[in-house]
């Protein structure tokens, strides 16, 4: 459910700045990686989702 909401948020952000589009894009990738890690049970995929989450947070911090 969160994946669809962030994807729709990205679609809505198309009329805004490029940085906001990037934030929603990385947030979507984060949720995909975390869901894939949970679904497959692979720890490395879950860790990659965590790294993407931190990167998303840094981009959102830059956005202001």
PDB file of N, CA and C in Angstrom:
ATOM      1  N   UNK A   1       0.816  -1.186   0.000  1.00  0.00           N
ATOM      2  CA  UNK A   1       0.000   0.000   0.000  1.00  0.00           C
ATOM      3  C   UNK A   1       0.867   1.260   0.000  1.00  0.00           C
ATOM      4  N   UNK A   2       1.934   1.242   0.818  1.00  0.00           N
ATOM      5  CA  UNK A   2       2.812   2.411   0.869  1.00  0.00           C
ATOM      6  C   UNK A   2       3.486   2.650  -0.464  1.00  0.00           C
ATOM      7  N   UNK A   3       3.795   1.554  -1.153  1.00  0.00           N
ATOM      8  CA  UNK A   3       4.448   1.682  -2.448  1.00  0.00           C
ATOM      9  C   UNK A   3       3.574   2.454  -3.419  1.00  0.00           C
ATOM     10  N   UNK A   4       2.291   2.152  -3.451  1.00  0.00           N
ATOM     11  CA  UNK A   4       1.389   2.848  -4.362  1.00  0.00           C
ATOM     12  C   UNK A   4       1.212   4.308  -3.964  1.00  0.00           C
ATOM     13  N   UNK A   5       1.162   4.576  -2.666  1.00  0.00           N
ATOM     14  CA  UNK A   5       1.009   5.958  -2.218  1.00  0.00           C
ATOM     15  C   UNK A   5       2.226   6.804  -2.574  1.00  0.00           C
ATOM     16  N   UNK A   6       3.419   6.233  -2.401  1.00  0.00           N
ATOM     17  CA  UNK A   6       4.609   7.007  -2.753  1.00  0.00           C
ATOM     18  C   UNK A   6       4.730   7.166  -4.264  1.00  0.00           C
ATOM     19  N   UNK A   7       4.304   6.144  -5.012  1.00  0.00           N
ATOM     20  CA  UNK A   7       4.326   6.275  -6.466  1.00  0.00           C
ATOM     21  C   UNK A   7       3.369   7.362  -6.926  1.00  0.00           C
ATOM     22  N   UNK A   8       2.176   7.411  -6.344  1.00  0.00           N
ATOM     23  CA  UNK A   8       1.223   8.463  -6.696  1.00  0.00           C
ATOM     24  C   UNK A   8       1.721   9.834  -6.232  1.00  0.00           C
ATOM     25  N   UNK A   9       2.440   9.862  -5.113  1.00  0.00           N
ATOM     26  CA  UNK A   9       3.048  11.118  -4.666  1.00  0.00           C
ATOM     27  C   UNK A   9       4.089  11.599  -5.657  1.00  0.00           C
ATOM     28  N   UNK A  10       4.811  10.649  -6.241  1.00  0.00           N
ATOM     29  CA  UNK A  10       5.799  11.023  -7.259  1.00  0.00           C
ATOM     30  C   UNK A  10       5.106  11.571  -8.500  1.00  0.00           C
ATOM     31  N   UNK A  11       4.012  10.966  -8.884  1.00  0.00           N
ATOM     32  CA  UNK A  11       3.255  11.467 -10.034  1.00  0.00           C
ATOM     33  C   UNK A  11       2.753  12.889  -9.743  1.00  0.00           C
ATOM     34  N   UNK A  12       2.275  13.116  -8.535  1.00  0.00           N
ATOM     35  CA  UNK A  12       1.787  14.447  -8.167  1.00  0.00           C
ATOM     36  C   UNK A  12       2.929  15.459  -8.107  1.00  0.00           C
ATOM     37  N   UNK A  13       4.134  14.994  -7.796  1.00  0.00           N
ATOM     38  CA  UNK A  13       5.282  15.899  -7.684  1.00  0.00           C
ATOM     39  C   UNK A  13       5.843  16.301  -9.038  1.00  0.00           C
ATOM     40  N   UNK A  14       5.348  15.730 -10.113  1.00  0.00           N
ATOM     41  CA  UNK A  14       5.875  16.069 -11.435  1.00  0.00           C
ATOM     42  C   UNK A  14       5.688  17.537 -11.779  1.00  0.00           C
ATOM     43  N   UNK A  15       4.753  18.179 -11.122  1.00  0.00           N
ATOM     44  CA  UNK A  15       4.527  19.600 -11.378  1.00  0.00           C
ATOM     45  C   UNK A  15       5.381  20.478 -10.463  1.00  0.00           C
ATOM     46  N   UNK A  16       6.150  19.862  -9.587  1.00  0.00           N
ATOM     47  CA  UNK A  16       6.993  20.596  -8.636  1.00  0.00           C
ATOM     48  C   UNK A  16       8.452  20.486  -9.058  1.00  0.00           C
ATOM     49  N   UNK A  17       9.351  20.641  -8.109  1.00  0.00           N
ATOM     50  CA  UNK A  17      10.780  20.666  -8.413  1.00  0.00           C
ATOM     51  C   UNK A  17      11.336  19.258  -8.670  1.00  0.00           C
ATOM     52  N   UNK A  18      12.477  19.224  -9.303  1.00  0.00           N
ATOM     53  CA  UNK A  18      13.146  17.964  -9.612  1.00  0.00           C
ATOM     54  C   UNK A  18      13.600  17.252  -8.347  1.00  0.00           C
ATOM     55  N   UNK A  19      13.976  18.002  -7.332  1.00  0.00           N
ATOM     56  CA  UNK A  19      14.438  17.391  -6.087  1.00  0.00           C
ATOM     57  C   UNK A  19      13.303  16.637  -5.402  1.00  0.00           C
ATOM     58  N   UNK A  20      12.096  17.175  -5.434  1.00  0.00           N
ATOM     59  CA  UNK A  20      10.949  16.497  -4.834  1.00  0.00           C
ATOM     60  C   UNK A  20      10.616  15.218  -5.598  1.00  0.00           C
ATOM     61  N   UNK A  21      10.760  15.251  -6.904  1.00  0.00           N
ATOM     62  CA  UNK A  21      10.555  14.037  -7.701  1.00  0.00           C
ATOM     63  C   UNK A  21      11.587  12.982  -7.314  1.00  0.00           C
ATOM     64  N   UNK A  22      12.822  13.417  -7.087  1.00  0.00           N
ATOM     65  CA  UNK A  22      13.888  12.501  -6.684  1.00  0.00           C
ATOM     66  C   UNK A  22      13.605  11.886  -5.324  1.00  0.00           C
ATOM     67  N   UNK A  23      13.094  12.676  -4.392  1.00  0.00           N
ATOM     68  CA  UNK A  23      12.767  12.161  -3.058  1.00  0.00           C
ATOM     69  C   UNK A  23      11.720  11.059  -3.166  1.00  0.00           C
ATOM     70  N   UNK A  24      10.657  11.309  -3.894  1.00  0.00           N
ATOM     71  CA  UNK A  24       9.620  10.288  -4.025  1.00  0.00           C
ATOM     72  C   UNK A  24      10.111   9.079  -4.810  1.00  0.00           C
ATOM     73  N   UNK A  25      10.997   9.291  -5.764  1.00  0.00           N
ATOM     74  CA  UNK A  25      11.574   8.170  -6.500  1.00  0.00           C
ATOM     75  C   UNK A  25      12.408   7.270  -5.601  1.00  0.00           C
ATOM     76  N   UNK A  26      13.268   7.878  -4.792  1.00  0.00           N
ATOM     77  CA  UNK A  26      14.084   7.094  -3.869  1.00  0.00           C
ATOM     78  C   UNK A  26      13.237   6.453  -2.773  1.00  0.00           C
ATOM     79  N   UNK A  27      12.177   7.125  -2.365  1.00  0.00           N
ATOM     80  CA  UNK A  27      11.287   6.533  -1.364  1.00  0.00           C
ATOM     81  C   UNK A  27      10.588   5.302  -1.926  1.00  0.00           C
ATOM     82  N   UNK A  28      10.192   5.361  -3.178  1.00  0.00           N
ATOM     83  CA  UNK A  28       9.593   4.194  -3.819  1.00  0.00           C
ATOM     84  C   UNK A  28      10.592   3.049  -3.908  1.00  0.00           C
ATOM     85  N   UNK A  29      11.828   3.360  -4.306  1.00  0.00           N
ATOM     86  CA  UNK A  29      12.866   2.326  -4.368  1.00  0.00           C
ATOM     87  C   UNK A  29      13.165   1.730  -2.994  1.00  0.00           C
ATOM     88  N   UNK A  30      13.129   2.577  -1.967  1.00  0.00           N
ATOM     89  CA  UNK A  30      13.351   2.092  -0.604  1.00  0.00           C
ATOM     90  C   UNK A  30      12.288   1.087  -0.197  1.00  0.00           C
ATOM     91  N   UNK A  31      11.027   1.421  -0.444  1.00  0.00           N
ATOM     92  CA  UNK A  31       9.947   0.503  -0.072  1.00  0.00           C
ATOM     93  C   UNK A  31       9.997  -0.780  -0.892  1.00  0.00           C
ATOM     94  N   UNK A  32      10.396  -0.683  -2.153  1.00  0.00           N
ATOM     95  CA  UNK A  32      10.519  -1.895  -2.980  1.00  0.00           C
ATOM     96  C   UNK A  32      11.617  -2.797  -2.426  1.00  0.00           C
ATOM     97  N   UNK A  33      12.759  -2.226  -2.076  1.00  0.00           N
ATOM     98  CA  UNK A  33      13.861  -3.016  -1.543  1.00  0.00           C
ATOM     99  C   UNK A  33      13.511  -3.630  -0.186  1.00  0.00           C
ATOM    100  N   UNK A  34      12.850  -2.871   0.672  1.00  0.00           N
ATOM    101  CA  UNK A  34      12.473  -3.410   1.981  1.00  0.00           C
ATOM    102  C   UNK A  34      11.425  -4.511   1.853  1.00  0.00           C
ATOM    103  N   UNK A  35      10.482  -4.326   0.945  1.00  0.00           N
ATOM    104  CA  UNK A  35       9.465  -5.369   0.737  1.00  0.00           C
ATOM    105  C   UNK A  35      10.089  -6.617   0.134  1.00  0.00           C
ATOM    106  N   UNK A  36      11.014  -6.431  -0.802  1.00  0.00           N
ATOM    107  CA  UNK A  36      11.681  -7.586  -1.409  1.00  0.00           C
ATOM    108  C   UNK A  36      12.533  -8.319  -0.381  1.00  0.00           C
ATOM    109  N   UNK A  37      13.195  -7.583   0.486  1.00  0.00           N
ATOM    110  CA  UNK A  37      13.989  -8.214   1.536  1.00  0.00           C
ATOM    111  C   UNK A  37      13.141  -8.991   2.519  1.00  0.00           C
ATOM    112  N   UNK A  38      11.990  -8.454   2.849  1.00  0.00           N
ATOM    113  CA  UNK A  38      11.083  -9.151   3.756  1.00  0.00           C
ATOM    114  C   UNK A  38      10.479 -10.377   3.080  1.00  0.00           C
ATOM    115  N   UNK A  39      10.115 -10.238   1.822  1.00  0.00           N
ATOM    116  CA  UNK A  39       9.484 -11.331   1.084  1.00  0.00           C
ATOM    117  C   UNK A  39      10.446 -12.493   0.866  1.00  0.00           C
ATOM    118  N   UNK A  40      11.702 -12.174   0.488  1.00  0.00           N
ATOM    119  CA  UNK A  40      12.668 -13.233   0.195  1.00  0.00           C
ATOM    120  C   UNK A  40      13.418 -13.713   1.432  1.00  0.00           C
ATOM    121  N   UNK A  41      13.471 -12.894   2.454  1.00  0.00           N
ATOM    122  CA  UNK A  41      14.214 -13.260   3.659  1.00  0.00           C
ATOM    123  C   UNK A  41      15.713 -13.039   3.538  1.00  0.00           C
ATOM    124  N   UNK A  42      16.150 -12.349   2.489  1.00  0.00           N
ATOM    125  CA  UNK A  42      17.567 -12.075   2.311  1.00  0.00           C
ATOM    126  C   UNK A  42      17.956 -10.817   3.095  1.00  0.00           C
ATOM    127  N   UNK A  43      18.926 -10.980   3.971  1.00  0.00           N
ATOM    128  CA  UNK A  43      19.336  -9.885   4.841  1.00  0.00           C
ATOM    129  C   UNK A  43      20.003  -8.767   4.039  1.00  0.00           C
ATOM    130  N   UNK A  44      20.765  -9.128   3.017  1.00  0.00           N
ATOM    131  CA  UNK A  44      21.471  -8.112   2.238  1.00  0.00           C
ATOM    132  C   UNK A  44      20.518  -7.196   1.490  1.00  0.00           C
ATOM    133  N   UNK A  45      19.400  -7.725   1.039  1.00  0.00           N
ATOM    134  CA  UNK A  45      18.417  -6.895   0.347  1.00  0.00           C
ATOM    135  C   UNK A  45      17.770  -5.928   1.339  1.00  0.00           C
ATOM    136  N   UNK A  46      17.517  -6.399   2.539  1.00  0.00           N
ATOM    137  CA  UNK A  46      16.949  -5.537   3.580  1.00  0.00           C
ATOM    138  C   UNK A  46      17.943  -4.443   3.967  1.00  0.00           C
ATOM    139  N   UNK A  47      19.224  -4.801   4.044  1.00  0.00           N
ATOM    140  CA  UNK A  47      20.249  -3.795   4.342  1.00  0.00           C
ATOM    141  C   UNK A  47      20.331  -2.760   3.228  1.00  0.00           C
ATOM    142  N   UNK A  48      20.216  -3.208   1.985  1.00  0.00           N
ATOM    143  CA  UNK A  48      20.214  -2.271   0.862  1.00  0.00           C
ATOM    144  C   UNK A  48      19.018  -1.330   0.963  1.00  0.00           C
ATOM    145  N   UNK A  49      17.880  -1.839   1.409  1.00  0.00           N
ATOM    146  CA  UNK A  49      16.714  -0.981   1.633  1.00  0.00           C
ATOM    147  C   UNK A  49      16.976   0.042   2.720  1.00  0.00           C
ATOM    148  N   UNK A  50      17.698  -0.347   3.753  1.00  0.00           N
ATOM    149  CA  UNK A  50      18.054   0.592   4.810  1.00  0.00           C
ATOM    150  C   UNK A  50      18.998   1.677   4.316  1.00  0.00           C
ATOM    151  N   UNK A  51      19.952   1.294   3.486  1.00  0.00           N
ATOM    152  CA  UNK A  51      20.872   2.274   2.905  1.00  0.00           C
ATOM    153  C   UNK A  51      20.107   3.239   2.003  1.00  0.00           C
ATOM    154  N   UNK A  52      19.182   2.714   1.218  1.00  0.00           N
ATOM    155  CA  UNK A  52      18.353   3.582   0.382  1.00  0.00           C
ATOM    156  C   UNK A  52      17.505   4.524   1.240  1.00  0.00           C
ATOM    157  N   UNK A  53      17.051   4.039   2.385  1.00  0.00           N
ATOM    158  CA  UNK A  53      16.271   4.881   3.291  1.00  0.00           C
ATOM    159  C   UNK A  53      17.096   6.040   3.832  1.00  0.00           C
ATOM    160  N   UNK A  54      18.338   5.757   4.182  1.00  0.00           N
ATOM    161  CA  UNK A  54      19.218   6.824   4.674  1.00  0.00           C
ATOM    162  C   UNK A  54      19.511   7.817   3.551  1.00  0.00           C
ATOM    163  N   UNK A  55      19.730   7.311   2.348  1.00  0.00           N
ATOM    164  CA  UNK A  55      19.964   8.195   1.208  1.00  0.00           C
ATOM    165  C   UNK A  55      18.732   9.047   0.916  1.00  0.00           C
ATOM    166  N   UNK A  56      17.560   8.456   1.051  1.00  0.00           N
ATOM    167  CA  UNK A  56      16.319   9.210   0.877  1.00  0.00           C
ATOM    168  C   UNK A  56      16.204  10.311   1.923  1.00  0.00           C
ATOM    169  N   UNK A  57      16.573  10.002   3.157  1.00  0.00           N
ATOM    170  CA  UNK A  57      16.523  10.993   4.225  1.00  0.00           C
ATOM    171  C   UNK A  57      17.477  12.158   3.955  1.00  0.00           C
ATOM    172  N   UNK A  58      18.651  11.848   3.425  1.00  0.00           N
ATOM    173  CA  UNK A  58      19.610  12.918   3.108  1.00  0.00           C
ATOM    174  C   UNK A  58      19.096  13.799   1.979  1.00  0.00           C
ATOM    175  N   UNK A  59      18.481  13.196   0.989  1.00  0.00           N
ATOM    176  CA  UNK A  59      17.923  13.993  -0.110  1.00  0.00           C
ATOM    177  C   UNK A  59      16.764  14.845   0.400  1.00  0.00           C
ATOM    178  N   UNK A  60      15.929  14.271   1.262  1.00  0.00           N
ATOM    179  CA  UNK A  60      14.807  15.039   1.822  1.00  0.00           C
ATOM    180  C   UNK A  60      15.321  16.174   2.701  1.00  0.00           C
ATOM    181  N   UNK A  61      16.410  15.958   3.422  1.00  0.00           N
ATOM    182  CA  UNK A  61      17.007  17.015   4.226  1.00  0.00           C
ATOM    183  C   UNK A  61      17.513  18.149   3.335  1.00  0.00           C
ATOM    184  N   UNK A  62      18.100  17.774   2.206  1.00  0.00           N
ATOM    185  CA  UNK A  62      18.588  18.767   1.256  1.00  0.00           C
ATOM    186  C   UNK A  62      17.410  19.586   0.687  1.00  0.00           C
ATOM    187  N   UNK A  63      16.283  18.907   0.487  1.00  0.00           N
ATOM    188  CA  UNK A  63      15.101  19.573  -0.059  1.00  0.00           C
ATOM    189  C   UNK A  63      14.637  20.680   0.871  1.00  0.00           C
ATOM    190  N   UNK A  64      14.744  20.395   2.159  1.00  0.00           N
ATOM    191  CA  UNK A  64      14.482  21.441   3.109  1.00  0.00           C
ATOM    192  C   UNK A  64      13.187  21.394   3.768  1.00  0.00           C
TER     193      UNK A  64
END
